[in-house]
């Protein structure tokens, strides 16, 4: 094994750093409560490092870490922490492929929590060695200054990038953990650099900017930081300080927000009298390790419903960006019409080279969505429906829209033929690499998951994603029932058993792809409520068919017993509805940058009725 010395200079009072370039780390999650300065500027070689550190609330680590392969065991040795002239020296043995790694570490005593840390350091150029400043925030909190080798065999020569780490560490089960590496825009091995983490400074500067534009500043988790800079309020999570205590510590009138993952947590937030709730995580996110379930956009509305009749605001949190923002806002409306008041966005803004441009784009989408929400669905008259359906039939033959179909392979040929028969043009592509190009040229997408395979899921996922992106209507046929959180659909078509499973009711059961029993007691209310929940048109097939956009319900009594004696009649209907949906949206202007609405309920409601062909005039409105 090869030995070397790594010089870690802690820059506090009295230590000049004129020769160092300064690198300030911004936007650090967490932060620490008590300032504790240690001055090594007068330290002399041979003095007791242990005494100096302990007098300032630090301890030298003296413990082994024994791991099972592929991790590498290492031991922190007190003698490897020593004072030199004006600095602290940490010694480590570089990993050579076998044996125990001898390292060095000192850390804060049990309950010290820090607001700022400044160091001057030069990274090691020895292969297989990494060093860092590790910050832990939670029950038994500490800051570690340590060097050790990479803990994975395959990474021993490609070690963890040296840098400043900010971490909340889960010392108890169920507590969220968070970690992030802040990369350097320079070679940290080339020279000494000053590194600074200062949460208070960032908060104070943010407060100045927010005050300038009259925007309230909310501090995450940290009541002490909010008090120090005079912030407008604090946002806490389920495992952070209790809301009642936060209220006691903050000035009267301060804003208090609470993260909520379940409807029960939202109910409790209402009782606690918070000013707003953060609902999520809606999507997967790398900003933090999410320990609670991802709720998806469809889960947002269920939680928003608990806020009915209150003045508590709600924002969606977790993985939100421009590409899924409209989907989040639109799909997150409750069946009672409760809408999100806003969204919380982190990564897409702070990681962008153009944060202002990203923020502007996000703001435009929110404004466009809210303006669309002012346009309520209108009650349609039977004669108007008949006239518009007649127009769709003729127009489809005139323009022959291209309809992309990822469908049940049992009926792929019949589906393609019936698409041609109504005047549209089918394309039955499934290759994932083709999906974006197809979404640009096709008028609609049909996804039928009746014979879904694992190797076909990626094509479906991408097809729906790009259909949403380019605002092409999606007709979804959940044969046997499947996933629905991947994208926002325009039409859901299914029999009573399939839609009952989708709605989470056992009123109607299914046997394979067929329904069992007499059907719903109140099918009109069922399809209307499901359409409201899923924010789309719902088609319930059976002896009598029911179609709803959440406001209107059409009842079509033109079924035939013969349809139950052939394979794929429902799948074929999906192809026809997709064809007329493509025509219904043909020529509709699509605004750039995700600013157009995802679903045009009135047009798709007419298209779904038109899918029933010559017998559609028997439809009536409920």
Foldseek 3Di string as FASTA:
>chain_A
DDKDKFWWFFDDPPDDDPVAAADEDPDFPDAWDDDFDQWLQAPAFPDDPQVSQVVRQKHKDFAKDDDDPPFAIETADSVQWTHHNRTIMGIWDQDDQDDYTYWTKMKGFFRGIGQKGKIKGAFDPDFQKEWEWEWEDDRRTMIMGIITGATGNVCSRPHDAYAYKYWHDPPDPPDWIFIDGDDDPDRSNPDIHMYMYGNLVNLLVVVVVCVVVVHFDEDEQDLSSCVVNVGQYYEYEPPGDDPVVSCVSDDPNGAYEYEDEALVVLLVCVVSPHQEYEYAQQDADNRTDDPDDGQHLLNLQVNLVSCPPHNRAYAYEHDDFLLCLLVNQLLNHHLVRRTHPYYDDDCVQVVDPCNVVRVVLSVLQVVLSVVVSVDDDDDDALVVLVVVLVVLLVLCQVPQFEEEEQEDPVCPVVLQVLSVVSRHHYDDDQDQVCQLVCLVRGLAYEYYCLPPDPVRVNSVLNNQSNVQQSLHAYEYEQQVHDDDSSHQHAEYEAEQQRVCVVVVHVPWHADRRHIDDDHDPCVAVSQLSVLSSSQHWYWYDDCWIWIYNNPKIKIANPDDPVCVVDPDPRVSLSSQLRSSSSSLCPPPDDDPSSNDRNYDHVSSSSSSLSSVPPRSSVIHID
